[in-house]
Amino acid sequence: MKESVIDDLSALGRKLGRALLKAAAERLSSDPLATTRHLKSLRPNPVAHRELRLFGRYRVLFTVDQTERTITIVLVGEKRGNSLYVQGVRFTARESRSTERG
């Protein structure tokens, strides 16, 4: 998990942040590459390869390194309409944090 994800979770509140982290860990521990209603691959972008939908409106973007068998959570945000908000700010792939932090 990138360090910036802790800030993402904190911005959502202590109780919700912990619930999201726990739910993400449970879902991703079994098969992070499965394609389900809540787990899907993203179009090619510089941020993440996969998306996990939790509690209806929250998104966990992550990457999977199959050679090292690791999962890296890149960011956690809230989906509002067609936009993703991370720490209360509308997020776009052009403003990617993947190379900026963590």
N, C-alpha and C. Protein backbone atom coordinates (compact mmCIF):
# COMPACT_ATOMS: atom_id res chain seq x y z
N MET A 1 0.84 -1.17 0.00
CA MET A 1 0.00 0.00 0.00
C MET A 1 0.90 1.24 0.00
N LYS A 2 0.56 2.16 -0.88
CA LYS A 2 1.32 3.40 -0.94
C LYS A 2 1.00 4.26 0.28
N GLU A 3 1.96 5.07 0.70
CA GLU A 3 1.77 5.91 1.87
C GLU A 3 0.61 6.88 1.69
N SER A 4 0.39 7.34 0.48
CA SER A 4 -0.68 8.30 0.23
C SER A 4 -2.06 7.69 0.47
N VAL A 5 -2.17 6.36 0.44
CA VAL A 5 -3.45 5.70 0.67
C VAL A 5 -3.90 5.91 2.11
N ILE A 6 -2.98 6.00 3.03
CA ILE A 6 -3.33 6.27 4.43
C ILE A 6 -4.02 7.62 4.54
N ASP A 7 -3.53 8.61 3.79
CA ASP A 7 -4.18 9.92 3.77
C ASP A 7 -5.56 9.83 3.13
N ASP A 8 -5.67 9.03 2.07
CA ASP A 8 -6.96 8.84 1.40
C ASP A 8 -7.99 8.26 2.38
N LEU A 9 -7.59 7.24 3.12
CA LEU A 9 -8.49 6.60 4.07
C LEU A 9 -8.82 7.52 5.23
N SER A 10 -7.85 8.28 5.71
CA SER A 10 -8.08 9.22 6.81
C SER A 10 -9.08 10.30 6.42
N ALA A 11 -9.02 10.73 5.17
CA ALA A 11 -9.94 11.77 4.70
C ALA A 11 -11.39 11.29 4.71
N LEU A 12 -11.59 9.98 4.66
CA LEU A 12 -12.94 9.42 4.67
C LEU A 12 -13.47 9.21 6.09
N GLY A 13 -12.63 9.40 7.08
CA GLY A 13 -13.02 9.19 8.47
C GLY A 13 -12.43 7.90 9.00
N ARG A 14 -12.19 7.87 10.28
CA ARG A 14 -11.52 6.73 10.90
C ARG A 14 -12.33 5.43 10.75
N LYS A 15 -13.61 5.48 11.06
CA LYS A 15 -14.43 4.27 11.03
C LYS A 15 -14.59 3.74 9.60
N LEU A 16 -14.92 4.62 8.66
CA LEU A 16 -15.10 4.20 7.28
C LEU A 16 -13.77 3.77 6.67
N GLY A 17 -12.70 4.49 6.95
CA GLY A 17 -11.39 4.13 6.43
C GLY A 17 -10.96 2.74 6.85
N ARG A 18 -11.18 2.41 8.11
CA ARG A 18 -10.84 1.07 8.60
C ARG A 18 -11.71 0.00 7.96
N ALA A 19 -13.00 0.31 7.80
CA ALA A 19 -13.91 -0.65 7.17
C ALA A 19 -13.51 -0.91 5.72
N LEU A 20 -13.15 0.14 5.00
CA LEU A 20 -12.72 -0.01 3.61
C LEU A 20 -11.44 -0.84 3.51
N LEU A 21 -10.48 -0.55 4.36
CA LEU A 21 -9.21 -1.29 4.34
C LEU A 21 -9.44 -2.77 4.66
N LYS A 22 -10.27 -3.04 5.64
CA LYS A 22 -10.55 -4.43 6.01
C LYS A 22 -11.26 -5.16 4.86
N ALA A 23 -12.27 -4.52 4.27
CA ALA A 23 -13.01 -5.15 3.17
C ALA A 23 -12.11 -5.36 1.96
N ALA A 24 -11.25 -4.40 1.66
CA ALA A 24 -10.33 -4.54 0.53
C ALA A 24 -9.36 -5.69 0.76
N ALA A 25 -8.82 -5.79 1.96
CA ALA A 25 -7.89 -6.87 2.27
C ALA A 25 -8.56 -8.23 2.12
N GLU A 26 -9.80 -8.35 2.58
CA GLU A 26 -10.52 -9.62 2.47
C GLU A 26 -10.78 -10.00 1.01
N ARG A 27 -11.26 -9.03 0.24
CA ARG A 27 -11.60 -9.33 -1.16
C ARG A 27 -10.36 -9.60 -2.01
N LEU A 28 -9.29 -8.85 -1.78
CA LEU A 28 -8.10 -8.99 -2.62
C LEU A 28 -7.25 -10.19 -2.23
N SER A 29 -7.43 -10.72 -1.02
CA SER A 29 -6.61 -11.85 -0.59
C SER A 29 -6.95 -13.14 -1.32
N SER A 30 -8.19 -13.28 -1.78
CA SER A 30 -8.58 -14.53 -2.42
C SER A 30 -8.10 -14.61 -3.88
N ASP A 31 -8.57 -13.71 -4.73
CA ASP A 31 -8.15 -13.73 -6.14
C ASP A 31 -8.25 -12.32 -6.71
N PRO A 32 -7.19 -11.54 -6.64
CA PRO A 32 -7.24 -10.15 -7.10
C PRO A 32 -7.38 -10.00 -8.61
N LEU A 33 -7.15 -11.07 -9.37
CA LEU A 33 -7.25 -10.99 -10.82
C LEU A 33 -8.60 -11.46 -11.36
N ALA A 34 -9.48 -11.88 -10.48
CA ALA A 34 -10.81 -12.32 -10.92
C ALA A 34 -11.58 -11.12 -11.45
N THR A 35 -12.51 -11.40 -12.35
CA THR A 35 -13.39 -10.35 -12.86
C THR A 35 -14.79 -10.65 -12.35
N THR A 36 -15.29 -9.76 -11.50
CA THR A 36 -16.62 -9.91 -10.92
C THR A 36 -17.35 -8.58 -11.05
N ARG A 37 -18.53 -8.54 -10.47
CA ARG A 37 -19.31 -7.30 -10.48
C ARG A 37 -18.58 -6.18 -9.75
N HIS A 38 -17.79 -6.51 -8.76
CA HIS A 38 -17.10 -5.52 -7.95
C HIS A 38 -15.60 -5.40 -8.23
N LEU A 39 -15.09 -6.24 -9.09
CA LEU A 39 -13.65 -6.29 -9.35
C LEU A 39 -13.43 -6.33 -10.85
N LYS A 40 -12.72 -5.34 -11.38
CA LYS A 40 -12.53 -5.32 -12.83
C LYS A 40 -11.19 -4.72 -13.23
N SER A 41 -10.81 -4.99 -14.46
CA SER A 41 -9.60 -4.39 -15.03
C SER A 41 -9.97 -3.03 -15.60
N LEU A 42 -9.02 -2.10 -15.52
CA LEU A 42 -9.22 -0.76 -16.06
C LEU A 42 -8.59 -0.65 -17.44
N ARG A 43 -9.03 0.33 -18.19
CA ARG A 43 -8.35 0.62 -19.45
C ARG A 43 -6.93 1.04 -19.13
N PRO A 44 -5.99 0.84 -20.04
CA PRO A 44 -4.59 1.22 -19.77
C PRO A 44 -4.48 2.67 -19.33
N ASN A 45 -3.80 2.87 -18.20
CA ASN A 45 -3.59 4.21 -17.66
C ASN A 45 -2.36 4.18 -16.75
N PRO A 46 -1.81 5.34 -16.42
CA PRO A 46 -0.59 5.38 -15.60
C PRO A 46 -0.83 5.17 -14.10
N VAL A 47 -2.07 5.05 -13.67
CA VAL A 47 -2.37 5.00 -12.25
C VAL A 47 -2.43 3.58 -11.71
N ALA A 48 -3.35 2.77 -12.25
CA ALA A 48 -3.55 1.42 -11.72
C ALA A 48 -4.12 0.52 -12.81
N HIS A 49 -4.01 -0.79 -12.57
CA HIS A 49 -4.50 -1.76 -13.53
C HIS A 49 -5.89 -2.29 -13.20
N ARG A 50 -6.25 -2.27 -11.92
CA ARG A 50 -7.50 -2.89 -11.48
C ARG A 50 -8.27 -1.96 -10.55
N GLU A 51 -9.59 -2.25 -10.42
CA GLU A 51 -10.46 -1.46 -9.56
C GLU A 51 -11.34 -2.40 -8.75
N LEU A 52 -11.47 -2.10 -7.47
CA LEU A 52 -12.36 -2.83 -6.57
C LEU A 52 -13.42 -1.85 -6.09
N ARG A 53 -14.68 -2.23 -6.24
CA ARG A 53 -15.79 -1.40 -5.79
C ARG A 53 -16.26 -1.91 -4.44
N LEU A 54 -16.33 -1.00 -3.46
CA LEU A 54 -16.75 -1.37 -2.11
C LEU A 54 -17.89 -0.48 -1.64
N PHE A 55 -18.83 -1.06 -0.94
CA PHE A 55 -19.96 -0.35 -0.34
C PHE A 55 -20.68 0.54 -1.35
N GLY A 56 -20.70 0.12 -2.61
CA GLY A 56 -21.44 0.83 -3.63
C GLY A 56 -20.74 2.02 -4.25
N ARG A 57 -20.20 2.93 -3.45
CA ARG A 57 -19.66 4.16 -4.02
C ARG A 57 -18.17 4.39 -3.82
N TYR A 58 -17.49 3.49 -3.17
CA TYR A 58 -16.06 3.67 -2.92
C TYR A 58 -15.24 2.80 -3.87
N ARG A 59 -14.10 3.32 -4.31
CA ARG A 59 -13.24 2.61 -5.24
C ARG A 59 -11.84 2.48 -4.67
N VAL A 60 -11.28 1.29 -4.84
CA VAL A 60 -9.90 1.02 -4.45
C VAL A 60 -9.17 0.68 -5.75
N LEU A 61 -8.23 1.51 -6.16
CA LEU A 61 -7.45 1.25 -7.36
C LEU A 61 -6.14 0.59 -6.94
N PHE A 62 -5.78 -0.49 -7.65
CA PHE A 62 -4.60 -1.24 -7.25
C PHE A 62 -3.92 -1.87 -8.46
N THR A 63 -2.69 -2.29 -8.25
CA THR A 63 -1.93 -3.00 -9.27
C THR A 63 -1.51 -4.36 -8.70
N VAL A 64 -1.32 -5.31 -9.59
CA VAL A 64 -0.90 -6.66 -9.18
C VAL A 64 0.40 -6.98 -9.92
N ASP A 65 1.42 -7.33 -9.17
CA ASP A 65 2.69 -7.77 -9.75
C ASP A 65 2.72 -9.29 -9.63
N GLN A 66 2.47 -9.96 -10.74
CA GLN A 66 2.36 -11.42 -10.70
C GLN A 66 3.70 -12.10 -10.45
N THR A 67 4.80 -11.48 -10.89
CA THR A 67 6.10 -12.13 -10.68
C THR A 67 6.49 -12.11 -9.20
N GLU A 68 6.20 -10.99 -8.52
CA GLU A 68 6.52 -10.91 -7.09
C GLU A 68 5.34 -11.32 -6.21
N ARG A 69 4.18 -11.56 -6.85
CA ARG A 69 2.97 -11.95 -6.14
C ARG A 69 2.59 -10.91 -5.08
N THR A 70 2.57 -9.64 -5.50
CA THR A 70 2.20 -8.57 -4.58
C THR A 70 1.06 -7.73 -5.16
N ILE A 71 0.30 -7.16 -4.25
CA ILE A 71 -0.78 -6.24 -4.61
C ILE A 71 -0.43 -4.90 -3.98
N THR A 72 -0.49 -3.84 -4.79
CA THR A 72 -0.21 -2.49 -4.27
C THR A 72 -1.45 -1.64 -4.45
N ILE A 73 -2.03 -1.20 -3.33
CA ILE A 73 -3.16 -0.29 -3.39
C ILE A 73 -2.61 1.09 -3.69
N VAL A 74 -3.09 1.70 -4.76
CA VAL A 74 -2.57 2.97 -5.24
C VAL A 74 -3.36 4.15 -4.67
N LEU A 75 -4.68 4.02 -4.66
CA LEU A 75 -5.51 5.09 -4.09
C LEU A 75 -6.88 4.57 -3.72
N VAL A 76 -7.54 5.32 -2.84
CA VAL A 76 -8.90 5.01 -2.41
C VAL A 76 -9.70 6.28 -2.56
N GLY A 77 -10.87 6.18 -3.19
CA GLY A 77 -11.67 7.37 -3.38
C GLY A 77 -13.15 7.07 -3.40
N GLU A 78 -13.93 8.14 -3.53
CA GLU A 78 -15.38 8.03 -3.57
C GLU A 78 -15.88 8.38 -4.97
N LYS A 79 -16.70 7.52 -5.52
CA LYS A 79 -17.25 7.73 -6.85
C LYS A 79 -18.52 8.57 -6.72
N ARG A 80 -18.54 9.69 -7.43
CA ARG A 80 -19.74 10.54 -7.48
C ARG A 80 -20.07 10.76 -8.94
N GLY A 81 -21.13 10.11 -9.41
CA GLY A 81 -21.47 10.18 -10.83
C GLY A 81 -20.38 9.51 -11.65
N ASN A 82 -19.81 10.24 -12.60
CA ASN A 82 -18.73 9.70 -13.42
C ASN A 82 -17.36 10.13 -12.93
N SER A 83 -17.29 10.78 -11.78
CA SER A 83 -16.02 11.30 -11.27
C SER A 83 -15.58 10.54 -10.03
N LEU A 84 -14.27 10.47 -9.84
CA LEU A 84 -13.69 9.87 -8.65
C LEU A 84 -13.08 10.99 -7.81
N TYR A 85 -13.46 11.05 -6.54
CA TYR A 85 -12.94 12.06 -5.63
C TYR A 85 -12.01 11.40 -4.62
N VAL A 86 -10.79 11.91 -4.55
CA VAL A 86 -9.78 11.40 -3.63
C VAL A 86 -9.43 12.54 -2.68
N GLN A 87 -9.61 12.31 -1.40
CA GLN A 87 -9.39 13.33 -0.37
C GLN A 87 -10.21 14.59 -0.68
N GLY A 88 -11.41 14.40 -1.18
CA GLY A 88 -12.32 15.51 -1.45
C GLY A 88 -12.06 16.27 -2.74
N VAL A 89 -11.06 15.87 -3.51
CA VAL A 89 -10.70 16.56 -4.75
C VAL A 89 -10.95 15.63 -5.93
N ARG A 90 -11.53 16.17 -6.99
CA ARG A 90 -11.79 15.37 -8.19
C ARG A 90 -10.47 14.88 -8.77
N PHE A 91 -10.39 13.58 -9.00
CA PHE A 91 -9.15 12.95 -9.47
C PHE A 91 -9.24 12.66 -10.96
N THR A 92 -8.17 12.97 -11.67
CA THR A 92 -8.05 12.58 -13.08
C THR A 92 -6.71 11.89 -13.27
N ALA A 93 -6.64 11.00 -14.24
CA ALA A 93 -5.40 10.25 -14.49
C ALA A 93 -4.26 11.18 -14.89
N ARG A 94 -4.58 12.33 -15.47
CA ARG A 94 -3.52 13.27 -15.87
C ARG A 94 -2.82 13.86 -14.66
N GLU A 95 -3.50 13.88 -13.52
CA GLU A 95 -2.91 14.41 -12.30
C GLU A 95 -2.44 13.27 -11.41
N SER A 96 -1.98 12.22 -12.01
CA SER A 96 -1.63 10.99 -11.33
C SER A 96 -0.64 11.19 -10.21
N ARG A 97 -0.92 10.51 -9.10
CA ARG A 97 0.01 10.52 -7.97
C ARG A 97 0.96 9.35 -8.04
N SER A 98 0.80 8.48 -9.03
CA SER A 98 1.60 7.26 -9.07
C SER A 98 3.10 7.54 -9.14
N THR A 99 3.48 8.66 -9.74
CA THR A 99 4.89 8.98 -9.82
C THR A 99 5.27 10.08 -8.84
N GLU A 100 4.29 10.75 -8.24
CA GLU A 100 4.57 11.85 -7.35
C GLU A 100 4.91 11.39 -5.94
N ARG A 101 4.10 10.48 -5.39
CA ARG A 101 4.28 10.08 -4.00
C ARG A 101 4.35 8.57 -3.88
N GLY A 102 4.87 8.13 -2.72
CA GLY A 102 4.85 6.78 -2.25
C GLY A 102 5.50 5.79 -3.05
